[in-house]
All heavy atoms as atom14 arrays in JSON, in Angstrom:
{
  "sequence": "QKGAHDLDVMHWLAGGFSRKVVALGDLAVYGSNTD",
  "atom14_mask": [
    [1, 1, 1, 1, 1, 1, 1, 1, 1, 0, 0, 0, 0, 0],
    [1, 1, 1, 1, 1, 1, 1, 1, 1, 0, 0, 0, 0, 0],
    [1, 1, 1, 1, 0, 0, 0, 0, 0, 0, 0, 0, 0, 0],
    [1, 1, 1, 1, 1, 0, 0, 0, 0, 0, 0, 0, 0, 0],
    [1, 1, 1, 1, 1, 1, 1, 1, 1, 1, 0, 0, 0, 0],
    [1, 1, 1, 1, 1, 1, 1, 1, 0, 0, 0, 0, 0, 0],
    [1, 1, 1, 1, 1, 1, 1, 1, 0, 0, 0, 0, 0, 0],
    [1, 1, 1, 1, 1, 1, 1, 1, 0, 0, 0, 0, 0, 0],
    [1, 1, 1, 1, 1, 1, 1, 0, 0, 0, 0, 0, 0, 0],
    [1, 1, 1, 1, 1, 1, 1, 1, 0, 0, 0, 0, 0, 0],
    [1, 1, 1, 1, 1, 1, 1, 1, 1, 1, 0, 0, 0, 0],
    [1, 1, 1, 1, 1, 1, 1, 1, 1, 1, 1, 1, 1, 1],
    [1, 1, 1, 1, 1, 1, 1, 1, 0, 0, 0, 0, 0, 0],
    [1, 1, 1, 1, 1, 0, 0, 0, 0, 0, 0, 0, 0, 0],
    [1, 1, 1, 1, 0, 0, 0, 0, 0, 0, 0, 0, 0, 0],
    [1, 1, 1, 1, 0, 0, 0, 0, 0, 0, 0, 0, 0, 0],
    [1, 1, 1, 1, 1, 1, 1, 1, 1, 1, 1, 0, 0, 0],
    [1, 1, 1, 1, 1, 1, 0, 0, 0, 0, 0, 0, 0, 0],
    [1, 1, 1, 1, 1, 1, 1, 1, 1, 1, 1, 0, 0, 0],
    [1, 1, 1, 1, 1, 1, 1, 1, 1, 0, 0, 0, 0, 0],
    [1, 1, 1, 1, 1, 1, 1, 0, 0, 0, 0, 0, 0, 0],
    [1, 1, 1, 1, 1, 1, 1, 0, 0, 0, 0, 0, 0, 0],
    [1, 1, 1, 1, 1, 0, 0, 0, 0, 0, 0, 0, 0, 0],
    [1, 1, 1, 1, 1, 1, 1, 1, 0, 0, 0, 0, 0, 0],
    [1, 1, 1, 1, 0, 0, 0, 0, 0, 0, 0, 0, 0, 0],
    [1, 1, 1, 1, 1, 1, 1, 1, 0, 0, 0, 0, 0, 0],
    [1, 1, 1, 1, 1, 1, 1, 1, 0, 0, 0, 0, 0, 0],
    [1, 1, 1, 1, 1, 0, 0, 0, 0, 0, 0, 0, 0, 0],
    [1, 1, 1, 1, 1, 1, 1, 0, 0, 0, 0, 0, 0, 0],
    [1, 1, 1, 1, 1, 1, 1, 1, 1, 1, 1, 1, 0, 0],
    [1, 1, 1, 1, 0, 0, 0, 0, 0, 0, 0, 0, 0, 0],
    [1, 1, 1, 1, 1, 1, 0, 0, 0, 0, 0, 0, 0, 0],
    [1, 1, 1, 1, 1, 1, 1, 1, 0, 0, 0, 0, 0, 0],
    [1, 1, 1, 1, 1, 1, 1, 0, 0, 0, 0, 0, 0, 0],
    [1, 1, 1, 1, 1, 1, 1, 1, 0, 0, 0, 0, 0, 0]
  ],
  "atom14_positions": [
    [[-2.92, -3.14, 5.37], [-4.31, -3.45, 5.72], [-5.27, -3.14, 4.58], [-6.04, -3.99, 4.15], [-4.71, -2.66, 6.97], [-5.89, -3.22, 7.72], [-7.24, -2.93, 7.09], [-7.42, -1.97, 6.36], [-8.22, -3.78, 7.38], [0.0, 0.0, 0.0], [0.0, 0.0, 0.0], [0.0, 0.0, 0.0], [0.0, 0.0, 0.0], [0.0, 0.0, 0.0]],
    [[-5.23, -1.93, 4.09], [-6.11, -1.53, 2.99], [-5.54, -1.97, 1.65], [-6.28, -2.36, 0.75], [-6.28, -0.01, 3.02], [-7.25, 0.55, 1.99], [-8.66, 0.07, 2.22], [-9.65, 0.81, 1.32], [-10.98, 0.17, 1.35], [0.0, 0.0, 0.0], [0.0, 0.0, 0.0], [0.0, 0.0, 0.0], [0.0, 0.0, 0.0], [0.0, 0.0, 0.0]],
    [[-4.21, -1.93, 1.53], [-3.58, -2.25, 0.27], [-3.57, -3.72, -0.07], [-3.32, -4.08, -1.24], [0.0, 0.0, 0.0], [0.0, 0.0, 0.0], [0.0, 0.0, 0.0], [0.0, 0.0, 0.0], [0.0, 0.0, 0.0], [0.0, 0.0, 0.0], [0.0, 0.0, 0.0], [0.0, 0.0, 0.0], [0.0, 0.0, 0.0], [0.0, 0.0, 0.0]],
    [[-3.84, -4.61, 0.89], [-3.83, -6.05, 0.59], [-4.77, -6.39, -0.55], [-4.48, -7.26, -1.38], [-4.19, -6.84, 1.85], [0.0, 0.0, 0.0], [0.0, 0.0, 0.0], [0.0, 0.0, 0.0], [0.0, 0.0, 0.0], [0.0, 0.0, 0.0], [0.0, 0.0, 0.0], [0.0, 0.0, 0.0], [0.0, 0.0, 0.0], [0.0, 0.0, 0.0]],
    [[-5.93, -5.7, -0.61], [-6.85, -5.88, -1.74], [-6.15, -5.61, -3.06], [-6.16, -6.44, -3.98], [-8.02, -4.88, -1.62], [-9.18, -5.37, -0.82], [-9.73, -6.63, -0.97], [-9.94, -4.74, 0.1], [-10.76, -6.75, -0.15], [-10.91, -5.62, 0.51], [0.0, 0.0, 0.0], [0.0, 0.0, 0.0], [0.0, 0.0, 0.0], [0.0, 0.0, 0.0]],
    [[-5.58, -4.42, -3.18], [-5.03, -3.97, -4.45], [-3.77, -4.73, -4.83], [-3.53, -5.01, -6.01], [-4.74, -2.47, -4.39], [-6.01, -1.66, -4.17], [-6.96, -1.83, -4.95], [-6.05, -0.89, -3.2], [0.0, 0.0, 0.0], [0.0, 0.0, 0.0], [0.0, 0.0, 0.0], [0.0, 0.0, 0.0], [0.0, 0.0, 0.0], [0.0, 0.0, 0.0]],
    [[-2.95, -5.06, -3.85], [-1.75, -5.84, -4.13], [-2.12, -7.21, -4.65], [-1.51, -7.72, -5.6], [-0.89, -5.94, -2.87], [-0.3, -4.61, -2.38], [0.31, -4.76, -1.0], [0.73, -4.07, -3.37], [0.0, 0.0, 0.0], [0.0, 0.0, 0.0], [0.0, 0.0, 0.0], [0.0, 0.0, 0.0], [0.0, 0.0, 0.0], [0.0, 0.0, 0.0]],
    [[-3.16, -7.82, -4.07], [-3.62, -9.12, -4.56], [-4.14, -8.99, -5.99], [-3.87, -9.84, -6.84], [-4.7, -9.68, -3.64], [-5.22, -11.03, -4.12], [-4.41, -11.97, -4.2], [-6.42, -11.14, -4.42], [0.0, 0.0, 0.0], [0.0, 0.0, 0.0], [0.0, 0.0, 0.0], [0.0, 0.0, 0.0], [0.0, 0.0, 0.0], [0.0, 0.0, 0.0]],
    [[-4.91, -7.94, -6.27], [-5.44, -7.75, -7.62], [-4.31, -7.56, -8.63], [-4.3, -8.18, -9.7], [-6.41, -6.55, -7.66], [-6.73, -6.15, -9.1], [-7.7, -6.89, -6.93], [0.0, 0.0, 0.0], [0.0, 0.0, 0.0], [0.0, 0.0, 0.0], [0.0, 0.0, 0.0], [0.0, 0.0, 0.0], [0.0, 0.0, 0.0], [0.0, 0.0, 0.0]],
    [[-3.34, -6.71, -8.3], [-2.24, -6.48, -9.24], [-1.44, -7.75, -9.46], [-1.03, -8.06, -10.6], [-1.35, -5.34, -8.74], [-2.02, -3.98, -8.84], [-0.89, -2.59, -8.58], [-0.6, -2.74, -6.82], [0.0, 0.0, 0.0], [0.0, 0.0, 0.0], [0.0, 0.0, 0.0], [0.0, 0.0, 0.0], [0.0, 0.0, 0.0], [0.0, 0.0, 0.0]],
    [[-1.19, -8.52, -8.41], [-0.51, -9.8, -8.58], [-1.32, -10.72, -9.51], [-0.75, -11.4, -10.37], [-0.33, -10.49, -7.22], [0.7, -9.86, -6.35], [0.79, -10.13, -5.0], [1.71, -8.99, -6.61], [1.8, -9.46, -4.48], [2.37, -8.75, -5.44], [0.0, 0.0, 0.0], [0.0, 0.0, 0.0], [0.0, 0.0, 0.0], [0.0, 0.0, 0.0]],
    [[-2.64, -10.74, -9.32], [-3.52, -11.61, -10.11], [-3.51, -11.21, -11.58], [-3.4, -12.05, -12.48], [-4.94, -11.55, -9.53], [-5.84, -12.67, -9.9], [-5.52, -13.99, -10.06], [-7.25, -12.58, -10.14], [-6.65, -14.72, -10.36], [-7.71, -13.89, -10.41], [-8.17, -11.53, -10.11], [-9.06, -14.16, -10.69], [-9.5, -11.81, -10.38], [-9.94, -13.1, -10.67]],
    [[-3.63, -9.91, -11.83], [-3.64, -9.43, -13.2], [-2.29, -9.62, -13.88], [-2.21, -9.86, -15.09], [-4.02, -7.94, -13.24], [-5.43, -7.57, -12.74], [-5.65, -6.07, -12.85], [-6.52, -8.34, -13.49], [0.0, 0.0, 0.0], [0.0, 0.0, 0.0], [0.0, 0.0, 0.0], [0.0, 0.0, 0.0], [0.0, 0.0, 0.0], [0.0, 0.0, 0.0]],
    [[-1.21, -9.53, -13.11], [0.13, -9.63, -13.67], [0.63, -11.06, -13.77], [1.59, -11.34, -14.51], [1.11, -8.82, -12.83], [0.0, 0.0, 0.0], [0.0, 0.0, 0.0], [0.0, 0.0, 0.0], [0.0, 0.0, 0.0], [0.0, 0.0, 0.0], [0.0, 0.0, 0.0], [0.0, 0.0, 0.0], [0.0, 0.0, 0.0], [0.0, 0.0, 0.0]],
    [[0.02, -11.97, -13.02], [0.48, -13.36, -13.03], [1.78, -13.58, -12.31], [2.57, -14.46, -12.67], [0.0, 0.0, 0.0], [0.0, 0.0, 0.0], [0.0, 0.0, 0.0], [0.0, 0.0, 0.0], [0.0, 0.0, 0.0], [0.0, 0.0, 0.0], [0.0, 0.0, 0.0], [0.0, 0.0, 0.0], [0.0, 0.0, 0.0], [0.0, 0.0, 0.0]],
    [[2.05, -12.78, -11.27], [3.28, -12.93, -10.52], [3.16, -12.33, -9.14], [2.12, -11.75, -8.79], [0.0, 0.0, 0.0], [0.0, 0.0, 0.0], [0.0, 0.0, 0.0], [0.0, 0.0, 0.0], [0.0, 0.0, 0.0], [0.0, 0.0, 0.0], [0.0, 0.0, 0.0], [0.0, 0.0, 0.0], [0.0, 0.0, 0.0], [0.0, 0.0, 0.0]],
    [[4.23, -12.46, -8.34], [4.23, -11.96, -6.97], [5.43, -11.05, -6.75], [6.51, -11.25, -7.31], [4.28, -13.11, -5.97], [3.08, -14.03, -6.03], [3.24, -15.39, -6.24], [1.8, -13.53, -5.87], [2.14, -16.24, -6.29], [0.7, -14.37, -5.93], [0.86, -15.73, -6.14], [0.0, 0.0, 0.0], [0.0, 0.0, 0.0], [0.0, 0.0, 0.0]],
    [[5.25, -10.06, -5.87], [6.32, -9.09, -5.58], [7.52, -9.78, -4.93], [7.36, -10.58, -4.0], [5.81, -8.0, -4.64], [4.76, -7.25, -5.23], [0.0, 0.0, 0.0], [0.0, 0.0, 0.0], [0.0, 0.0, 0.0], [0.0, 0.0, 0.0], [0.0, 0.0, 0.0], [0.0, 0.0, 0.0], [0.0, 0.0, 0.0], [0.0, 0.0, 0.0]],
    [[8.72, -9.4, -5.4], [9.94, -9.94, -4.82], [10.9, -8.85, -4.35], [11.82, -9.13, -3.59], [10.63, -10.87, -5.8], [9.9, -12.2, -5.96], [9.96, -13.03, -4.68], [9.08, -14.2, -4.7], [7.92, -14.26, -4.07], [7.49, -13.22, -3.37], [7.19, -15.34, -4.11], [0.0, 0.0, 0.0], [0.0, 0.0, 0.0], [0.0, 0.0, 0.0]],
    [[10.73, -7.61, -4.81], [11.53, -6.5, -4.32], [10.65, -5.26, -4.3], [9.94, -4.99, -5.29], [12.76, -6.25, -5.18], [13.67, -5.12, -4.67], [14.84, -4.87, -5.58], [15.87, -5.96, -5.48], [16.58, -5.98, -4.16], [0.0, 0.0, 0.0], [0.0, 0.0, 0.0], [0.0, 0.0, 0.0], [0.0, 0.0, 0.0], [0.0, 0.0, 0.0]],
    [[10.67, -4.5, -3.2], [9.84, -3.31, -3.08], [10.65, -2.14, -2.53], [11.63, -2.33, -1.8], [8.6, -3.54, -2.17], [7.69, -4.61, -2.74], [9.03, -3.91, -0.76], [0.0, 0.0, 0.0], [0.0, 0.0, 0.0], [0.0, 0.0, 0.0], [0.0, 0.0, 0.0], [0.0, 0.0, 0.0], [0.0, 0.0, 0.0], [0.0, 0.0, 0.0]],
    [[10.2, -0.95, -2.88], [10.64, 0.28, -2.22], [9.39, 1.12, -2.0], [8.42, 1.03, -2.75], [11.67, 1.08, -3.06], [12.94, 0.29, -3.22], [11.08, 1.46, -4.42], [0.0, 0.0, 0.0], [0.0, 0.0, 0.0], [0.0, 0.0, 0.0], [0.0, 0.0, 0.0], [0.0, 0.0, 0.0], [0.0, 0.0, 0.0], [0.0, 0.0, 0.0]],
    [[9.39, 1.94, -0.96], [8.19, 2.71, -0.66], [8.52, 3.95, 0.14], [9.54, 4.02, 0.85], [7.19, 1.85, 0.12], [0.0, 0.0, 0.0], [0.0, 0.0, 0.0], [0.0, 0.0, 0.0], [0.0, 0.0, 0.0], [0.0, 0.0, 0.0], [0.0, 0.0, 0.0], [0.0, 0.0, 0.0], [0.0, 0.0, 0.0], [0.0, 0.0, 0.0]],
    [[7.63, 4.93, 0.03], [7.66, 6.13, 0.86], [6.24, 6.39, 1.35], [5.26, 6.03, 0.69], [8.17, 7.34, 0.07], [9.62, 7.31, -0.39], [9.91, 8.52, -1.28], [10.57, 7.29, 0.8], [0.0, 0.0, 0.0], [0.0, 0.0, 0.0], [0.0, 0.0, 0.0], [0.0, 0.0, 0.0], [0.0, 0.0, 0.0], [0.0, 0.0, 0.0]],
    [[6.12, 7.03, 2.51], [4.8, 7.34, 3.04], [4.9, 8.43, 4.08], [5.99, 8.82, 4.5], [0.0, 0.0, 0.0], [0.0, 0.0, 0.0], [0.0, 0.0, 0.0], [0.0, 0.0, 0.0], [0.0, 0.0, 0.0], [0.0, 0.0, 0.0], [0.0, 0.0, 0.0], [0.0, 0.0, 0.0], [0.0, 0.0, 0.0], [0.0, 0.0, 0.0]],
    [[3.74, 8.92, 4.51], [3.73, 10.0, 5.49], [2.39, 10.03, 6.21], [1.37, 9.58, 5.67], [3.96, 11.34, 4.78], [4.38, 12.46, 5.75], [4.65, 12.15, 6.92], [4.42, 13.61, 5.31], [0.0, 0.0, 0.0], [0.0, 0.0, 0.0], [0.0, 0.0, 0.0], [0.0, 0.0, 0.0], [0.0, 0.0, 0.0], [0.0, 0.0, 0.0]],
    [[2.4, 10.55, 7.43], [1.17, 10.9, 8.14], [0.99, 12.39, 7.92], [1.41, 13.22, 8.72], [1.3, 10.54, 9.62], [0.09, 10.83, 10.52], [-1.18, 10.2, 9.98], [0.36, 10.34, 11.94], [0.0, 0.0, 0.0], [0.0, 0.0, 0.0], [0.0, 0.0, 0.0], [0.0, 0.0, 0.0], [0.0, 0.0, 0.0], [0.0, 0.0, 0.0]],
    [[0.35, 12.74, 6.8], [0.37, 14.11, 6.29], [-0.77, 14.98, 6.79], [-0.64, 16.2, 6.85], [0.35, 14.09, 4.75], [0.0, 0.0, 0.0], [0.0, 0.0, 0.0], [0.0, 0.0, 0.0], [0.0, 0.0, 0.0], [0.0, 0.0, 0.0], [0.0, 0.0, 0.0], [0.0, 0.0, 0.0], [0.0, 0.0, 0.0], [0.0, 0.0, 0.0]],
    [[-1.91, 14.38, 7.15], [-3.1, 15.17, 7.49], [-3.62, 14.86, 8.88], [-3.78, 15.76, 9.72], [-4.22, 14.95, 6.45], [-5.52, 15.6, 6.89], [-3.79, 15.52, 5.09], [0.0, 0.0, 0.0], [0.0, 0.0, 0.0], [0.0, 0.0, 0.0], [0.0, 0.0, 0.0], [0.0, 0.0, 0.0], [0.0, 0.0, 0.0], [0.0, 0.0, 0.0]],
    [[-3.89, 13.6, 9.17], [-4.6, 13.26, 10.4], [-3.74, 13.32, 11.65], [-4.26, 13.45, 12.76], [-5.26, 11.88, 10.26], [-6.27, 11.84, 9.14], [-6.06, 11.06, 8.02], [-7.42, 12.62, 9.2], [-6.99, 11.03, 6.98], [-8.34, 12.6, 8.17], [-8.11, 11.81, 7.07], [-9.03, 11.81, 6.03], [0.0, 0.0, 0.0], [0.0, 0.0, 0.0]],
    [[-2.43, 13.26, 11.49], [-1.56, 13.29, 12.66], [-1.6, 14.59, 13.43], [-1.41, 14.6, 14.65], [0.0, 0.0, 0.0], [0.0, 0.0, 0.0], [0.0, 0.0, 0.0], [0.0, 0.0, 0.0], [0.0, 0.0, 0.0], [0.0, 0.0, 0.0], [0.0, 0.0, 0.0], [0.0, 0.0, 0.0], [0.0, 0.0, 0.0], [0.0, 0.0, 0.0]],
    [[-1.87, 15.68, 12.75], [-1.88, 16.99, 13.41], [-3.23, 17.33, 14.03], [-3.37, 18.36, 14.7], [-1.49, 18.08, 12.41], [-2.41, 18.12, 11.33], [0.0, 0.0, 0.0], [0.0, 0.0, 0.0], [0.0, 0.0, 0.0], [0.0, 0.0, 0.0], [0.0, 0.0, 0.0], [0.0, 0.0, 0.0], [0.0, 0.0, 0.0], [0.0, 0.0, 0.0]],
    [[-4.23, 16.49, 13.82], [-5.56, 16.71, 14.39], [-5.56, 16.23, 15.84], [-5.37, 15.06, 16.12], [-6.61, 15.96, 13.57], [-8.03, 16.29, 13.95], [-8.33, 16.55, 15.11], [-8.93, 16.26, 12.99], [0.0, 0.0, 0.0], [0.0, 0.0, 0.0], [0.0, 0.0, 0.0], [0.0, 0.0, 0.0], [0.0, 0.0, 0.0], [0.0, 0.0, 0.0]],
    [[-5.79, 17.15, 16.77], [-5.71, 16.81, 18.2], [-7.07, 16.5, 18.82], [-7.15, 16.25, 20.03], [-5.07, 17.97, 18.97], [-5.84, 19.16, 18.78], [-3.64, 18.21, 18.5], [0.0, 0.0, 0.0], [0.0, 0.0, 0.0], [0.0, 0.0, 0.0], [0.0, 0.0, 0.0], [0.0, 0.0, 0.0], [0.0, 0.0, 0.0], [0.0, 0.0, 0.0]],
    [[-8.13, 16.49, 18.02], [-9.46, 16.17, 18.54], [-9.58, 14.65, 18.58], [-9.84, 14.0, 17.57], [-10.53, 16.78, 17.64], [-11.91, 16.79, 18.3], [-12.24, 15.8, 18.98], [-12.65, 17.78, 18.12], [0.0, 0.0, 0.0], [0.0, 0.0, 0.0], [0.0, 0.0, 0.0], [0.0, 0.0, 0.0], [0.0, 0.0, 0.0], [0.0, 0.0, 0.0]]
  ]
}
């Protein structure tokens, strides 16, 4: 959702499109907030 901007920009600057990806992520801060 948020990264679509940056992925489009990087594709534009590089003159190509992603064909293989790897990724890691986490819900590191907001998940433990119970309010």
